[in-house]
Amino acid sequence: MNRGVEWDIGFTRWLFRGFLLILFLLPLPLGSNRPLFWSVFVALVAGLALVWAVGWLAGVARWPEGVRRAKWALLALVLFVVWGGLKVGAGIVAQSRPLSGLLQSADLYASVDALLLSLGLLLLALLTILLVRSKRRALLVLYTLVLAGLLQAIYGSLMLLSGVEYGFFEPKEFGRGLATGTFINRNHYANLLVLALAAGIGLLLAQMDLRGAATLRARLRSLLQAVLGPKARLRIYLVVIVIALVLTRSRMGNAAFFSALTFAGLFALWRLRERSRPLLVLVVSVIVIDIFVIGTWFGVEQVIDRIQKTVQVQDEQWVVQDKNRIDADRESLDIISRKPIAGWGGGSFYTVYPAWRGDDQLFMDHTHNDYLEFAVEYGLVGLALLGAFVALCFLRAARGLADRDQPRTFGISFASLMAIAAMLVHATVDFSLQIPANAAWFVVLCALPFAVEGGRMAHEPSAA
């Protein structure tokens, strides 16, 4: 190992630890869904990026190969940020001279906030590739997400089961009788838990021999390792997180987990082209044991009952229980039709929506559909740029699922693909991507496969 590589490892080691600390702490203060908290997040991420840039200029940090692999995905995010910045710039100029309303934001100050948060998420994606330079570091990122999810799961479950219902250092005002952790909204809490579960299942796969044991003796040894080794501890962590997920009574949170795990498992089996008994056993065991056995003890039937009551037949007509959400989605489509290309500006839904809200419709600061909200605020151009980023990340993760001889790459890719599938499902009925902690974890999981490659790494840092 030459001196340049040694300097790079030593320099990025401390930045990487700071990166992990940010990911761990980000969900604690209400999912960072307050201006103070997400501003601190953006400042810390920008600080890490600035320190890395200074190190690069000083010659002690190097551009990793992952940046080249992720160039098109990063370009899509850069263009999205630039697109949001154009509206901010147009709004500033419009204060002194008349401008066309095509690019002008409906709420300049909200768009400035949205631009800063988008820039922070872009820098976080870049730091994921700059600092996660090995499979070992990638696994540490997944461990960090699992441990942060476990902390949320334990706290949320204890608050509910003990009857001492506190959120983030204050009594809960909303969601009493439900697990919410340190979040306000149980659905956003459930979404974060699903991302943690995706990371945990990826970790389990990264420690498995995907080919399976060839002899009975090898199978017994593998079983003992699963029961007594690190995988058993990780499995318990995942059970606790699943219990908390069920206790949220979140319909789409639980449905997204089930559907994403099923899809990712089937897709991975298809990509392998050969039968993988360990992968099949893991997916089936998680679905059966965690959801239908453990979940039953903690009220999974109540989740199923809520799903069944979402749409009912009364007097030979379909009746939708969440009428306010449906009305908001329909009104959002009307808002989009007025500015379909450019949108109304980042963060402007809160300002624009009242003009379309019906007299009997509850006010909502977000539409319960991330696709519609991004289309309202950034237009079809912005939605397409975000879609391109997610699609490129999906393709990269899918590429990492093709080789059973690289279990670490397989596990990291599986975690990313499952997180993408879960978020795509959940985004149809909620706005989890408007919550900074959820959006940040999602961006990191999307970018993670770019930071590793199928073959042997150029160097594996000896310590994080």
Protein backbone atom coordinates (compact mmCIF):
# COMPACT_ATOMS: atom_id res chain seq x y z
CA MET A 1 0.00 0.00 0.00
CA ASN A 2 1.57 3.31 -1.08
CA ARG A 3 1.74 6.40 1.06
CA GLY A 4 -1.03 8.21 -0.85
CA VAL A 5 -3.49 5.42 -0.12
CA GLU A 6 -2.46 5.38 3.56
CA TRP A 7 -3.03 9.13 3.84
CA ASP A 8 -6.40 8.79 2.14
CA ILE A 9 -7.53 6.00 4.50
CA GLY A 10 -6.39 7.86 7.60
CA PHE A 11 -7.94 11.14 6.51
CA THR A 12 -11.32 9.74 5.47
CA ARG A 13 -11.57 7.46 8.53
CA TRP A 14 -12.57 10.30 10.84
CA LEU A 15 -14.85 11.86 8.25
CA PHE A 16 -16.53 8.48 7.83
CA ARG A 17 -17.12 8.21 11.57
CA GLY A 18 -18.72 11.65 11.53
CA PHE A 19 -20.85 10.51 8.58
CA LEU A 20 -22.08 7.49 10.59
CA LEU A 21 -22.84 9.67 13.61
CA ILE A 22 -25.01 11.97 11.49
CA LEU A 23 -26.98 9.01 10.12
CA PHE A 24 -27.48 7.61 13.62
CA LEU A 25 -28.66 10.86 15.22
CA LEU A 26 -30.72 12.21 12.32
CA PRO A 27 -34.04 10.44 13.20
CA LEU A 28 -33.95 11.32 16.91
CA PRO A 29 -35.26 14.92 16.93
CA LEU A 30 -38.71 14.36 15.35
CA GLY A 31 -37.16 12.85 12.24
CA SER A 32 -35.31 16.19 11.87
CA ASN A 33 -38.61 17.56 10.53
CA ARG A 34 -38.14 21.03 12.00
CA PRO A 35 -36.14 23.92 10.48
CA LEU A 36 -33.62 23.93 13.33
CA PHE A 37 -32.89 20.22 13.12
CA TRP A 38 -32.63 19.88 9.35
CA SER A 39 -30.56 23.08 9.22
CA VAL A 40 -28.07 21.48 11.61
CA PHE A 41 -28.07 18.37 9.41
CA VAL A 42 -27.32 20.39 6.26
CA ALA A 43 -24.60 22.36 8.07
CA LEU A 44 -22.91 19.17 9.33
CA VAL A 45 -23.03 17.48 5.92
CA ALA A 46 -21.71 20.63 4.24
CA GLY A 47 -18.95 20.77 6.85
CA LEU A 48 -17.87 17.19 6.14
CA ALA A 49 -17.90 17.90 2.40
CA LEU A 50 -15.82 21.05 2.92
CA VAL A 51 -13.24 19.23 5.04
CA TRP A 52 -12.97 16.50 2.39
CA ALA A 53 -12.53 19.16 -0.32
CA VAL A 54 -9.71 20.79 1.67
CA GLY A 55 -8.07 17.39 2.10
CA TRP A 56 -8.37 16.74 -1.62
CA LEU A 57 -6.77 20.10 -2.44
CA ALA A 58 -3.99 19.29 0.05
CA GLY A 59 -3.38 15.94 -1.64
CA VAL A 60 -4.39 13.69 1.28
CA ALA A 61 -7.80 12.66 -0.14
CA ARG A 62 -8.45 10.94 -3.45
CA TRP A 63 -11.41 10.61 -5.79
CA PRO A 64 -12.69 7.03 -5.50
CA GLU A 65 -13.71 4.97 -8.51
CA GLY A 66 -17.29 4.98 -7.23
CA VAL A 67 -17.71 8.59 -8.37
CA ARG A 68 -17.22 7.52 -11.98
CA ARG A 69 -19.72 4.68 -11.57
CA ALA A 70 -22.29 7.05 -10.07
CA LYS A 71 -21.73 10.01 -12.40
CA TRP A 72 -25.10 9.79 -14.18
CA ALA A 73 -27.07 9.26 -10.96
CA LEU A 74 -25.25 12.18 -9.31
CA LEU A 75 -25.84 14.30 -12.41
CA ALA A 76 -29.60 13.65 -12.12
CA LEU A 77 -29.51 14.91 -8.51
CA VAL A 78 -27.38 17.92 -9.45
CA LEU A 79 -29.84 18.87 -12.20
CA PHE A 80 -32.72 18.50 -9.75
CA VAL A 81 -31.03 20.90 -7.33
CA VAL A 82 -30.27 23.31 -10.18
CA TRP A 83 -33.91 23.10 -11.31
CA GLY A 84 -35.05 24.07 -7.81
CA GLY A 85 -32.43 26.83 -7.73
CA LEU A 86 -33.77 28.34 -10.96
CA LYS A 87 -37.11 28.97 -9.26
CA VAL A 88 -35.40 30.59 -6.31
CA GLY A 89 -33.34 32.76 -8.61
CA ALA A 90 -36.41 33.72 -10.63
CA GLY A 91 -38.24 34.61 -7.44
CA ILE A 92 -35.42 36.87 -6.27
CA VAL A 93 -35.22 38.63 -9.62
CA ALA A 94 -39.03 39.03 -9.71
CA GLN A 95 -38.86 41.18 -6.58
CA SER A 96 -37.18 43.94 -8.58
CA ARG A 97 -38.50 43.41 -12.13
CA PRO A 98 -41.50 41.65 -13.70
CA LEU A 99 -40.92 38.07 -14.85
CA SER A 100 -42.90 35.31 -16.46
CA GLY A 101 -44.59 33.07 -13.89
CA LEU A 102 -43.26 29.89 -15.53
CA LEU A 103 -40.19 29.55 -13.33
CA GLN A 104 -41.17 31.83 -10.50
CA SER A 105 -41.89 30.13 -7.18
CA ALA A 106 -45.24 30.61 -5.47
CA ASP A 107 -43.45 30.80 -2.10
CA LEU A 108 -39.88 32.10 -2.35
CA TYR A 109 -38.92 31.51 1.27
CA ALA A 110 -40.23 27.94 1.29
CA SER A 111 -38.35 27.29 -1.95
CA VAL A 112 -35.11 28.59 -0.40
CA ASP A 113 -35.57 26.13 2.48
CA ALA A 114 -36.32 23.30 0.05
CA LEU A 115 -33.25 24.20 -2.02
CA LEU A 116 -30.96 24.08 1.02
CA LEU A 117 -32.35 20.72 2.10
CA SER A 118 -32.00 19.34 -1.45
CA LEU A 119 -28.40 20.54 -1.52
CA GLY A 120 -27.76 18.77 1.80
CA LEU A 121 -29.17 15.51 0.42
CA LEU A 122 -27.05 15.87 -2.73
CA LEU A 123 -23.92 16.33 -0.62
CA LEU A 124 -24.94 13.32 1.50
CA ALA A 125 -25.19 11.15 -1.64
CA LEU A 126 -21.77 12.38 -2.76
CA LEU A 127 -20.25 11.76 0.69
CA THR A 128 -21.65 8.23 0.65
CA ILE A 129 -19.53 7.50 -2.41
CA LEU A 130 -16.51 9.54 -1.29
CA LEU A 131 -16.26 8.03 2.20
CA VAL A 132 -17.69 4.52 1.84
CA ARG A 133 -14.66 3.15 -0.01
CA SER A 134 -14.94 -0.52 0.85
CA LYS A 135 -17.47 -3.24 1.49
CA ARG A 136 -16.50 -3.18 5.14
CA ARG A 137 -17.44 0.46 5.41
CA ALA A 138 -20.65 -0.18 3.48
CA LEU A 139 -21.59 -2.86 6.02
CA LEU A 140 -20.86 -0.41 8.84
CA VAL A 141 -23.33 2.00 7.25
CA LEU A 142 -25.96 -0.76 7.25
CA TYR A 143 -25.15 -1.63 10.88
CA THR A 144 -25.56 2.03 11.82
CA LEU A 145 -29.01 2.18 10.23
CA VAL A 146 -30.03 -1.06 11.97
CA LEU A 147 -28.86 0.17 15.38
CA ALA A 148 -30.59 3.53 14.92
CA GLY A 149 -33.75 1.68 13.85
CA LEU A 150 -33.41 -0.65 16.85
CA LEU A 151 -33.17 2.33 19.21
CA GLN A 152 -36.30 3.80 17.65
CA ALA A 153 -38.08 0.43 17.87
CA ILE A 154 -37.23 -0.11 21.54
CA TYR A 155 -38.18 3.42 22.51
CA GLY A 156 -41.42 3.43 20.55
CA SER A 157 -42.49 0.01 21.83
CA LEU A 158 -41.67 0.80 25.47
CA MET A 159 -43.53 4.12 25.34
CA LEU A 160 -46.62 2.35 24.01
CA LEU A 161 -46.56 -0.81 26.13
CA SER A 162 -45.73 1.04 29.36
CA GLY A 163 -48.41 3.69 28.86
CA VAL A 164 -45.82 6.46 29.35
CA GLU A 165 -46.34 7.96 25.93
CA TYR A 166 -43.58 10.44 25.24
CA GLY A 167 -42.23 11.49 21.88
CA PHE A 168 -39.09 13.60 21.72
CA PHE A 169 -38.73 14.81 25.33
CA GLU A 170 -42.40 15.79 25.59
CA PRO A 171 -45.76 14.02 25.97
CA LYS A 172 -47.26 12.84 22.70
CA GLU A 173 -49.99 15.03 21.29
CA PHE A 174 -50.73 12.82 18.29
CA GLY A 175 -50.64 9.07 17.80
CA ARG A 176 -51.46 8.06 21.35
CA GLY A 177 -52.06 4.32 21.61
CA LEU A 178 -49.67 3.74 18.71
CA ALA A 179 -45.91 3.34 18.41
CA THR A 180 -44.33 6.51 16.99
CA GLY A 181 -40.82 6.53 18.46
CA THR A 182 -39.42 10.05 18.43
CA PHE A 183 -41.53 10.91 15.35
CA ILE A 184 -44.84 12.79 15.24
CA ASN A 185 -46.43 10.67 12.51
CA ARG A 186 -46.57 6.89 12.91
CA ASN A 187 -46.42 6.36 9.13
CA HIS A 188 -43.12 8.20 8.81
CA TYR A 189 -41.84 6.23 11.80
CA ALA A 190 -42.93 3.00 10.11
CA ASN A 191 -41.19 4.04 6.90
CA LEU A 192 -37.92 4.57 8.76
CA LEU A 193 -38.25 1.16 10.43
CA VAL A 194 -38.74 -0.45 7.00
CA LEU A 195 -35.52 1.18 5.78
CA ALA A 196 -33.74 -0.19 8.87
CA LEU A 197 -35.17 -3.65 8.14
CA ALA A 198 -33.91 -3.44 4.56
CA ALA A 199 -30.43 -2.65 5.90
CA GLY A 200 -30.64 -5.52 8.40
CA ILE A 201 -31.76 -8.14 5.87
CA GLY A 202 -28.95 -6.99 3.58
CA LEU A 203 -26.51 -7.53 6.46
CA LEU A 204 -27.82 -11.06 7.04
CA LEU A 205 -27.34 -11.90 3.37
CA ALA A 206 -23.84 -10.40 3.41
CA GLN A 207 -22.87 -12.98 6.06
CA MET A 208 -24.38 -15.99 4.28
CA ASP A 209 -23.05 -18.52 1.82
CA LEU A 210 -25.60 -18.07 -0.94
CA ARG A 211 -24.66 -21.39 -2.54
CA GLY A 212 -25.74 -23.32 0.53
CA ALA A 213 -23.95 -26.09 2.40
CA ALA A 214 -23.01 -29.12 0.30
CA THR A 215 -22.94 -31.72 3.11
CA LEU A 216 -24.99 -32.48 6.21
CA ARG A 217 -22.03 -31.60 8.45
CA ALA A 218 -21.68 -28.21 6.75
CA ARG A 219 -25.40 -27.58 7.17
CA LEU A 220 -25.23 -28.34 10.89
CA ARG A 221 -22.25 -26.05 11.28
CA SER A 222 -24.10 -23.30 9.40
CA LEU A 223 -27.15 -23.80 11.63
CA LEU A 224 -25.07 -23.51 14.81
CA GLN A 225 -23.43 -20.35 13.50
CA ALA A 226 -26.86 -18.91 12.75
CA VAL A 227 -28.13 -19.74 16.26
CA LEU A 228 -25.03 -18.82 18.27
CA GLY A 229 -23.11 -16.39 16.08
CA PRO A 230 -23.47 -12.70 15.18
CA LYS A 231 -26.34 -13.49 12.81
CA ALA A 232 -28.49 -14.58 15.76
CA ARG A 233 -27.99 -11.23 17.47
CA LEU A 234 -28.83 -9.40 14.26
CA ARG A 235 -31.90 -11.59 13.80
CA ILE A 236 -33.15 -10.58 17.26
CA TYR A 237 -32.66 -6.92 16.35
CA LEU A 238 -34.82 -7.39 13.28
CA VAL A 239 -37.53 -9.13 15.32
CA VAL A 240 -37.68 -6.15 17.70
CA ILE A 241 -37.93 -3.72 14.76
CA VAL A 242 -40.73 -5.80 13.20
CA ILE A 243 -42.63 -5.73 16.50
CA ALA A 244 -42.39 -1.93 16.54
CA LEU A 245 -43.50 -1.80 12.91
CA VAL A 246 -46.62 -3.82 13.74
CA LEU A 247 -47.32 -1.61 16.78
CA THR A 248 -47.48 1.45 14.54
CA ARG A 249 -50.66 -0.05 12.99
CA SER A 250 -49.46 1.62 9.79
CA ARG A 251 -51.25 -0.04 6.87
CA MET A 252 -48.86 0.97 4.12
CA GLY A 253 -45.79 0.73 6.36
CA ASN A 254 -46.46 -2.96 6.92
CA ALA A 255 -47.66 -3.52 3.36
CA ALA A 256 -44.55 -1.82 1.97
CA PHE A 257 -42.28 -4.05 4.06
CA PHE A 258 -44.07 -7.23 3.02
CA SER A 259 -44.26 -6.34 -0.68
CA ALA A 260 -40.70 -4.97 -0.87
CA LEU A 261 -39.20 -8.04 0.78
CA THR A 262 -41.19 -10.35 -1.48
CA PHE A 263 -40.27 -8.43 -4.62
CA ALA A 264 -36.59 -8.09 -3.69
CA GLY A 265 -36.37 -11.80 -2.81
CA LEU A 266 -37.98 -12.94 -6.06
CA PHE A 267 -35.96 -10.47 -8.10
CA ALA A 268 -32.72 -11.61 -6.44
CA LEU A 269 -33.55 -15.26 -7.13
CA TRP A 270 -34.18 -14.37 -10.78
CA ARG A 271 -30.91 -12.45 -11.02
CA LEU A 272 -28.92 -15.36 -9.58
CA ARG A 273 -30.23 -17.62 -12.35
CA GLU A 274 -29.72 -20.56 -10.00
CA ARG A 275 -31.57 -21.79 -6.95
CA SER A 276 -30.30 -20.34 -3.67
CA ARG A 277 -31.75 -22.20 -0.69
CA PRO A 278 -30.27 -19.82 1.96
CA LEU A 279 -31.84 -16.78 0.28
CA LEU A 280 -35.21 -18.50 -0.10
CA VAL A 281 -35.20 -19.72 3.51
CA LEU A 282 -34.31 -16.27 4.83
CA VAL A 283 -37.04 -14.46 2.90
CA VAL A 284 -39.71 -17.03 3.82
CA SER A 285 -38.64 -17.10 7.48
CA VAL A 286 -38.80 -13.32 7.81
CA ILE A 287 -42.25 -13.20 6.25
CA VAL A 288 -43.70 -16.16 8.17
CA ILE A 289 -42.00 -15.89 11.56
CA ASP A 290 -41.79 -12.13 11.94
CA ILE A 291 -45.09 -11.07 10.43
CA PHE A 292 -47.52 -13.94 11.01
CA VAL A 293 -46.16 -15.41 14.25
CA ILE A 294 -44.46 -12.66 16.26
CA GLY A 295 -46.71 -10.02 14.73
CA THR A 296 -49.82 -11.84 15.92
CA TRP A 297 -48.74 -11.44 19.52
CA PHE A 298 -48.52 -7.70 19.07
CA GLY A 299 -51.67 -7.07 17.05
CA VAL A 300 -50.94 -7.67 13.38
CA GLU A 301 -54.64 -8.54 13.02
CA GLN A 302 -55.43 -4.90 13.87
CA VAL A 303 -53.23 -3.79 10.97
CA ILE A 304 -55.06 -6.19 8.65
CA ASP A 305 -58.39 -4.90 9.95
CA ARG A 306 -57.37 -1.30 9.18
CA ILE A 307 -56.39 -2.32 5.65
CA GLN A 308 -59.73 -4.06 5.14
CA LYS A 309 -61.63 -1.00 6.35
CA THR A 310 -59.78 1.36 4.02
CA VAL A 311 -62.23 0.58 1.20
CA GLN A 312 -65.62 -0.94 2.00
CA VAL A 313 -68.83 -1.65 0.12
CA GLN A 314 -71.91 0.12 1.48
CA ASP A 315 -75.26 0.02 -0.31
CA GLU A 316 -73.59 -1.59 -3.33
CA GLN A 317 -71.10 1.30 -3.64
CA TRP A 318 -67.40 1.53 -2.89
CA VAL A 319 -66.76 3.80 0.10
CA VAL A 320 -63.21 5.06 0.76
CA GLN A 321 -62.53 5.81 4.42
CA ASP A 322 -59.57 8.19 3.82
CA LYS A 323 -61.68 10.67 1.87
CA ASN A 324 -59.48 13.65 2.81
CA ARG A 325 -56.42 12.02 1.28
CA ILE A 326 -58.29 11.11 -1.90
CA ASP A 327 -59.67 14.64 -2.23
CA ALA A 328 -56.21 16.14 -1.68
CA ASP A 329 -54.76 13.87 -4.37
CA ARG A 330 -57.49 14.84 -6.83
CA GLU A 331 -56.97 18.55 -6.10
CA SER A 332 -53.21 18.08 -6.49
CA LEU A 333 -53.78 16.76 -10.02
CA ASP A 334 -55.67 19.96 -10.79
CA ILE A 335 -52.82 22.05 -9.36
CA ILE A 336 -50.32 20.14 -11.50
CA SER A 337 -52.39 20.75 -14.64
CA ARG A 338 -51.89 24.51 -14.21
CA LYS A 339 -48.08 24.25 -14.23
CA PRO A 340 -47.26 20.73 -15.43
CA ILE A 341 -43.70 21.37 -16.67
CA ALA A 342 -42.08 23.69 -14.15
CA GLY A 343 -44.27 23.28 -11.07
CA TRP A 344 -44.96 25.88 -8.39
CA GLY A 345 -41.63 25.81 -6.57
CA GLY A 346 -40.02 23.66 -3.89
CA GLY A 347 -41.92 23.67 -0.60
CA SER A 348 -44.84 25.61 -2.11
CA PHE A 349 -47.61 23.02 -1.67
CA TYR A 350 -48.48 24.50 1.72
CA THR A 351 -49.02 27.90 0.10
CA VAL A 352 -50.71 26.81 -3.12
CA TYR A 353 -53.11 24.17 -1.82
CA PRO A 354 -55.64 26.42 0.03
CA ALA A 355 -56.77 27.97 -3.26
CA TRP A 356 -57.91 24.52 -4.46
CA ARG A 357 -59.15 23.10 -1.15
CA GLY A 358 -62.86 22.34 -0.97
CA ASP A 359 -65.06 23.90 1.70
CA ASP A 360 -65.51 20.57 3.49
CA GLN A 361 -61.90 19.47 3.00
CA LEU A 362 -59.40 19.44 5.87
CA PHE A 363 -56.28 21.55 5.35
CA MET A 364 -53.13 19.54 4.60
CA ASP A 365 -49.60 20.90 4.52
CA HIS A 366 -48.58 17.92 2.35
CA THR A 367 -50.48 15.75 -0.06
CA HIS A 368 -50.31 12.11 1.00
CA ASN A 369 -48.52 11.09 -2.17
CA ASP A 370 -44.86 11.93 -2.76
CA TYR A 371 -45.20 11.58 -6.53
CA LEU A 372 -47.94 14.20 -6.66
CA GLU A 373 -46.19 16.55 -4.24
CA PHE A 374 -42.94 16.53 -6.22
CA ALA A 375 -44.95 17.09 -9.41
CA VAL A 376 -46.81 20.02 -7.80
CA GLU A 377 -43.62 21.67 -6.58
CA TYR A 378 -41.06 20.76 -9.26
CA GLY A 379 -43.23 19.87 -12.21
CA LEU A 380 -42.82 16.85 -14.43
CA VAL A 381 -39.21 17.90 -15.13
CA GLY A 382 -38.25 17.65 -11.46
CA LEU A 383 -40.19 14.41 -11.00
CA ALA A 384 -38.42 12.92 -14.04
CA LEU A 385 -34.98 13.88 -12.67
CA LEU A 386 -35.71 12.21 -9.33
CA GLY A 387 -37.08 9.19 -11.18
CA ALA A 388 -33.89 8.98 -13.22
CA PHE A 389 -31.78 9.00 -10.03
CA VAL A 390 -33.83 6.21 -8.44
CA ALA A 391 -33.88 4.16 -11.66
CA LEU A 392 -30.09 4.36 -12.07
CA CYS A 393 -29.62 3.33 -8.42
CA PHE A 394 -32.03 0.44 -8.94
CA LEU A 395 -30.07 -0.76 -11.99
CA ARG A 396 -26.80 -0.56 -10.07
CA ALA A 397 -28.27 -2.56 -7.17
CA ALA A 398 -29.68 -5.12 -9.60
CA ARG A 399 -26.22 -5.55 -11.09
CA GLY A 400 -24.83 -6.44 -7.67
CA LEU A 401 -27.35 -9.28 -7.23
CA ALA A 402 -26.02 -11.36 -10.10
CA ASP A 403 -23.05 -13.00 -8.33
CA ARG A 404 -23.56 -15.37 -5.40
CA ASP A 405 -19.78 -15.60 -4.94
CA GLN A 406 -19.73 -12.02 -3.59
CA PRO A 407 -22.08 -12.19 -0.57
CA ARG A 408 -21.12 -8.73 0.72
CA THR A 409 -21.88 -7.08 -2.60
CA PHE A 410 -25.07 -9.13 -2.81
CA GLY A 411 -26.22 -8.09 0.66
CA ILE A 412 -25.47 -4.40 0.11
CA SER A 413 -27.27 -4.46 -3.23
CA PHE A 414 -30.25 -6.33 -1.73
CA ALA A 415 -30.60 -3.71 1.03
CA SER A 416 -30.60 -0.92 -1.56
CA LEU A 417 -33.07 -2.63 -3.87
CA MET A 418 -35.47 -3.49 -1.03
CA ALA A 419 -35.32 0.09 0.28
CA ILE A 420 -36.12 1.44 -3.19
CA ALA A 421 -39.04 -0.96 -3.63
CA ALA A 422 -40.44 -0.12 -0.16
CA MET A 423 -40.20 3.64 -0.72
CA LEU A 424 -41.79 3.43 -4.18
CA VAL A 425 -44.76 1.62 -2.63
CA HIS A 426 -45.07 3.80 0.47
CA ALA A 427 -44.78 7.03 -1.54
CA THR A 428 -48.12 6.31 -3.20
CA VAL A 429 -50.06 7.10 -0.01
CA ASP A 430 -47.71 9.17 2.15
CA PHE A 431 -45.05 11.88 2.13
CA SER A 432 -42.14 10.17 3.86
CA LEU A 433 -39.64 11.73 1.44
CA GLN A 434 -40.61 15.14 2.84
CA ILE A 435 -39.19 14.03 6.21
CA PRO A 436 -35.43 14.83 6.25
CA ALA A 437 -34.34 11.72 8.21
CA ASN A 438 -36.27 9.35 5.93
CA ALA A 439 -35.08 11.11 2.78
CA ALA A 440 -31.47 11.06 3.98
CA TRP A 441 -31.50 7.33 4.80
CA PHE A 442 -33.15 6.60 1.47
CA VAL A 443 -30.54 8.59 -0.47
CA VAL A 444 -27.71 6.79 1.35
CA LEU A 445 -29.19 3.34 0.66
CA CYS A 446 -29.71 4.29 -3.00
CA ALA A 447 -26.11 5.47 -3.42
CA LEU A 448 -24.46 2.67 -1.44
CA PRO A 449 -24.11 0.12 -4.31
CA PHE A 450 -22.08 2.66 -6.30
CA ALA A 451 -19.49 2.77 -3.50
CA VAL A 452 -18.63 -0.94 -3.85
CA GLU A 453 -17.93 -3.20 -6.76
CA GLY A 454 -18.24 -6.91 -7.43
CA GLY A 455 -14.55 -7.70 -7.50
CA ARG A 456 -11.81 -7.15 -4.97
CA MET A 457 -11.50 -3.55 -3.80
CA ALA A 458 -8.38 -1.56 -4.54
CA HIS A 459 -7.92 -1.29 -0.79
CA GLU A 460 -9.90 -2.37 2.23
CA PRO A 461 -9.45 0.10 5.12
CA SER A 462 -8.24 -1.74 8.16
CA ALA A 463 -10.42 0.39 10.42
CA ALA A 464 -13.43 2.56 9.99
